[in-house]
N, C-alpha and C. Protein backbone atom coordinates (compact mmCIF):
# COMPACT_ATOMS: atom_id res chain seq x y z
N PHE A 1 0.85 -1.18 0.00
CA PHE A 1 0.00 0.00 0.00
C PHE A 1 0.88 1.23 0.00
N ASN A 2 0.66 2.14 -0.90
CA ASN A 2 1.53 3.30 -1.06
C ASN A 2 0.86 4.54 -0.46
N PHE A 3 1.20 4.86 0.81
CA PHE A 3 0.62 6.03 1.46
C PHE A 3 1.08 7.33 0.81
N ASP A 4 2.30 7.36 0.27
CA ASP A 4 2.78 8.58 -0.39
C ASP A 4 1.90 8.94 -1.58
N LEU A 5 1.51 7.94 -2.36
CA LEU A 5 0.63 8.18 -3.50
C LEU A 5 -0.71 8.76 -3.03
N HIS A 6 -1.25 8.22 -1.97
CA HIS A 6 -2.52 8.71 -1.46
C HIS A 6 -2.38 10.10 -0.84
N ALA A 7 -1.27 10.37 -0.18
CA ALA A 7 -1.04 11.70 0.40
C ALA A 7 -0.98 12.75 -0.69
N ALA A 8 -0.42 12.40 -1.82
CA ALA A 8 -0.33 13.35 -2.93
C ALA A 8 -1.70 13.67 -3.50
N ARG A 9 -2.69 12.84 -3.22
CA ARG A 9 -4.03 13.04 -3.76
C ARG A 9 -4.99 13.64 -2.73
N ARG A 10 -4.47 14.27 -1.70
CA ARG A 10 -5.27 14.94 -0.66
C ARG A 10 -6.10 13.97 0.16
N ILE A 11 -5.70 12.77 0.33
CA ILE A 11 -6.46 11.81 1.12
C ILE A 11 -5.87 11.75 2.52
N ASP A 12 -6.71 11.96 3.52
CA ASP A 12 -6.29 11.85 4.91
C ASP A 12 -6.85 10.57 5.50
N TYR A 13 -6.04 9.87 6.23
CA TYR A 13 -6.48 8.65 6.90
C TYR A 13 -6.59 8.93 8.39
N ILE A 14 -7.76 8.70 8.92
CA ILE A 14 -7.98 8.86 10.34
C ILE A 14 -8.60 7.56 10.82
N GLY A 15 -7.94 6.91 11.74
CA GLY A 15 -8.50 5.66 12.22
C GLY A 15 -7.43 4.73 12.74
N VAL A 16 -7.76 3.48 12.74
CA VAL A 16 -6.87 2.46 13.28
C VAL A 16 -6.82 1.28 12.33
N THR A 17 -5.84 0.45 12.55
CA THR A 17 -5.80 -0.82 11.84
C THR A 17 -6.15 -1.92 12.83
N PHE A 18 -6.85 -2.90 12.36
CA PHE A 18 -7.24 -4.00 13.24
C PHE A 18 -6.35 -5.22 13.02
N ARG A 19 -5.26 -5.04 12.31
CA ARG A 19 -4.37 -6.18 12.02
C ARG A 19 -3.82 -6.83 13.28
N THR A 20 -3.57 -6.02 14.30
CA THR A 20 -2.96 -6.56 15.52
C THR A 20 -4.00 -6.97 16.55
N ARG A 21 -5.26 -6.85 16.21
CA ARG A 21 -6.33 -7.17 17.16
C ARG A 21 -6.92 -8.55 16.86
N SER A 22 -7.33 -9.21 17.93
CA SER A 22 -8.00 -10.50 17.76
C SER A 22 -9.45 -10.27 17.33
N ILE A 23 -10.10 -11.31 16.86
CA ILE A 23 -11.51 -11.21 16.46
C ILE A 23 -12.36 -10.79 17.66
N ALA A 24 -12.04 -11.30 18.83
CA ALA A 24 -12.80 -10.94 20.03
C ALA A 24 -12.65 -9.45 20.34
N GLU A 25 -11.43 -8.91 20.17
CA GLU A 25 -11.22 -7.48 20.41
C GLU A 25 -11.99 -6.63 19.40
N VAL A 26 -11.98 -7.04 18.14
CA VAL A 26 -12.70 -6.30 17.10
C VAL A 26 -14.20 -6.30 17.40
N ARG A 27 -14.73 -7.43 17.82
CA ARG A 27 -16.15 -7.51 18.17
C ARG A 27 -16.49 -6.59 19.33
N GLU A 28 -15.62 -6.55 20.33
CA GLU A 28 -15.86 -5.69 21.49
C GLU A 28 -15.80 -4.21 21.09
N ILE A 29 -14.86 -3.85 20.24
CA ILE A 29 -14.77 -2.47 19.76
C ILE A 29 -16.03 -2.10 18.99
N ALA A 30 -16.51 -3.00 18.14
CA ALA A 30 -17.74 -2.74 17.38
C ALA A 30 -18.93 -2.58 18.31
N ARG A 31 -18.99 -3.40 19.35
CA ARG A 31 -20.09 -3.31 20.31
C ARG A 31 -20.05 -1.96 21.04
N LEU A 32 -18.86 -1.55 21.47
CA LEU A 32 -18.73 -0.27 22.17
C LEU A 32 -19.06 0.91 21.25
N MET A 33 -18.64 0.81 19.99
CA MET A 33 -18.94 1.87 19.03
C MET A 33 -20.45 1.98 18.82
N GLN A 34 -21.12 0.85 18.69
CA GLN A 34 -22.58 0.85 18.54
C GLN A 34 -23.24 1.49 19.75
N ALA A 35 -22.74 1.17 20.94
CA ALA A 35 -23.31 1.74 22.16
C ALA A 35 -23.10 3.25 22.20
N ASP A 36 -21.94 3.72 21.76
CA ASP A 36 -21.62 5.15 21.80
C ASP A 36 -22.30 5.94 20.69
N LEU A 37 -22.39 5.38 19.50
CA LEU A 37 -22.85 6.14 18.33
C LEU A 37 -24.21 5.72 17.80
N GLY A 38 -24.73 4.61 18.25
CA GLY A 38 -25.97 4.07 17.69
C GLY A 38 -27.13 5.04 17.70
N ASP A 39 -27.36 5.71 18.83
CA ASP A 39 -28.47 6.65 18.91
C ASP A 39 -28.27 7.83 17.96
N ALA A 40 -27.06 8.37 17.91
CA ALA A 40 -26.80 9.52 17.04
C ALA A 40 -27.02 9.15 15.57
N VAL A 41 -26.60 7.95 15.19
CA VAL A 41 -26.78 7.51 13.81
C VAL A 41 -28.26 7.33 13.51
N SER A 42 -28.98 6.64 14.38
CA SER A 42 -30.40 6.36 14.12
C SER A 42 -31.24 7.63 14.15
N GLN A 43 -30.80 8.66 14.87
CA GLN A 43 -31.54 9.92 14.93
C GLN A 43 -31.10 10.91 13.86
N GLY A 44 -30.15 10.52 13.02
CA GLY A 44 -29.70 11.40 11.95
C GLY A 44 -28.86 12.56 12.41
N LYS A 45 -28.21 12.44 13.56
CA LYS A 45 -27.39 13.53 14.09
C LYS A 45 -26.00 13.59 13.47
N LEU A 46 -25.58 12.51 12.86
CA LEU A 46 -24.27 12.49 12.20
C LEU A 46 -24.49 12.65 10.71
N ARG A 47 -23.77 13.57 10.11
CA ARG A 47 -23.93 13.85 8.69
C ARG A 47 -22.60 13.66 7.98
N ILE A 48 -22.65 13.04 6.83
CA ILE A 48 -21.47 12.89 5.98
C ILE A 48 -21.65 13.84 4.81
N PRO A 49 -20.66 14.70 4.54
CA PRO A 49 -20.82 15.63 3.42
C PRO A 49 -20.86 14.88 2.09
N ILE A 50 -21.86 15.19 1.29
CA ILE A 50 -22.00 14.59 -0.04
C ILE A 50 -21.75 15.67 -1.07
N ASP A 51 -20.76 15.46 -1.90
CA ASP A 51 -20.42 16.43 -2.94
C ASP A 51 -21.38 16.34 -4.11
N SER A 52 -21.64 15.12 -4.57
CA SER A 52 -22.49 14.95 -5.76
C SER A 52 -23.05 13.54 -5.79
N VAL A 53 -24.15 13.40 -6.54
CA VAL A 53 -24.82 12.11 -6.69
C VAL A 53 -24.99 11.85 -8.19
N TYR A 54 -24.57 10.67 -8.63
CA TYR A 54 -24.68 10.28 -10.03
C TYR A 54 -25.49 9.00 -10.14
N PRO A 55 -26.35 8.90 -11.16
CA PRO A 55 -26.96 7.60 -11.44
C PRO A 55 -25.87 6.64 -11.93
N PHE A 56 -26.07 5.37 -11.70
CA PHE A 56 -25.03 4.39 -12.06
C PHE A 56 -24.64 4.47 -13.53
N GLU A 57 -25.57 4.86 -14.37
CA GLU A 57 -25.28 4.96 -15.81
C GLU A 57 -24.25 6.05 -16.10
N GLN A 58 -24.00 6.96 -15.15
CA GLN A 58 -23.02 8.03 -15.33
C GLN A 58 -21.75 7.76 -14.54
N VAL A 59 -21.41 6.49 -14.37
CA VAL A 59 -20.23 6.13 -13.60
C VAL A 59 -18.96 6.75 -14.19
N THR A 60 -18.89 6.88 -15.50
CA THR A 60 -17.71 7.48 -16.14
C THR A 60 -17.57 8.94 -15.73
N GLU A 61 -18.69 9.67 -15.71
CA GLU A 61 -18.65 11.07 -15.30
C GLU A 61 -18.28 11.20 -13.82
N ALA A 62 -18.81 10.30 -13.00
CA ALA A 62 -18.48 10.32 -11.57
C ALA A 62 -17.00 10.08 -11.36
N LEU A 63 -16.44 9.14 -12.09
CA LEU A 63 -15.01 8.86 -11.98
C LEU A 63 -14.18 10.05 -12.43
N ALA A 64 -14.60 10.70 -13.50
CA ALA A 64 -13.88 11.89 -13.98
C ALA A 64 -13.94 13.00 -12.93
N HIS A 65 -15.09 13.15 -12.29
CA HIS A 65 -15.24 14.15 -11.23
C HIS A 65 -14.29 13.84 -10.07
N MET A 66 -14.19 12.57 -9.71
CA MET A 66 -13.29 12.18 -8.64
C MET A 66 -11.84 12.41 -9.03
N LYS A 67 -11.48 12.04 -10.25
CA LYS A 67 -10.10 12.21 -10.71
C LYS A 67 -9.70 13.68 -10.80
N ALA A 68 -10.67 14.57 -11.02
CA ALA A 68 -10.36 16.00 -11.08
C ALA A 68 -9.91 16.53 -9.72
N ASN A 69 -10.22 15.79 -8.66
CA ASN A 69 -9.74 16.09 -7.32
C ASN A 69 -10.17 17.48 -6.84
N GLN A 70 -11.37 17.89 -7.21
CA GLN A 70 -11.89 19.19 -6.80
C GLN A 70 -13.11 19.07 -5.89
N HIS A 71 -13.46 17.87 -5.52
CA HIS A 71 -14.68 17.66 -4.73
C HIS A 71 -14.39 17.76 -3.23
N PHE A 72 -15.45 18.04 -2.48
CA PHE A 72 -15.39 18.00 -1.02
C PHE A 72 -16.56 17.14 -0.57
N GLY A 73 -16.28 16.02 -0.02
CA GLY A 73 -17.32 15.10 0.41
C GLY A 73 -17.37 13.88 -0.48
N LYS A 74 -18.35 13.07 -0.22
CA LYS A 74 -18.49 11.80 -0.94
C LYS A 74 -19.12 12.00 -2.30
N ILE A 75 -18.68 11.19 -3.24
CA ILE A 75 -19.30 11.11 -4.55
C ILE A 75 -20.11 9.82 -4.53
N VAL A 76 -21.41 9.94 -4.71
CA VAL A 76 -22.33 8.82 -4.55
C VAL A 76 -22.80 8.32 -5.90
N LEU A 77 -22.77 7.00 -6.08
CA LEU A 77 -23.37 6.36 -7.25
C LEU A 77 -24.67 5.72 -6.80
N GLU A 78 -25.76 6.06 -7.47
CA GLU A 78 -27.04 5.45 -7.14
C GLU A 78 -27.26 4.23 -8.02
N GLY A 79 -27.59 3.12 -7.40
CA GLY A 79 -27.88 1.90 -8.13
C GLY A 79 -29.34 1.84 -8.50
N PRO A 80 -29.71 0.83 -9.26
CA PRO A 80 -31.12 0.68 -9.63
C PRO A 80 -31.97 0.37 -8.40
N VAL A 81 -33.18 0.89 -8.40
CA VAL A 81 -34.11 0.64 -7.31
C VAL A 81 -35.07 -0.46 -7.74
N ASP A 82 -35.15 -1.52 -6.95
CA ASP A 82 -36.04 -2.64 -7.29
C ASP A 82 -37.41 -2.45 -6.70
């Protein structure tokens, strides 16, 4: 994994790696996270910035938008609704 390449593309990594954790530790962390954040998520108190939304048929345009590296927030592809 090349972090230098990602750093050059304005990508920030915030978080942890679970490589050194056992499955039991990961499960406990997930349980604690659910306990801490579950209500906020279910009540819509946490918001993720969305830059743009594209229908799946415009995946090429969405990729071009991402490659232009001018967006702030997530670029969302909408799939077909059944």
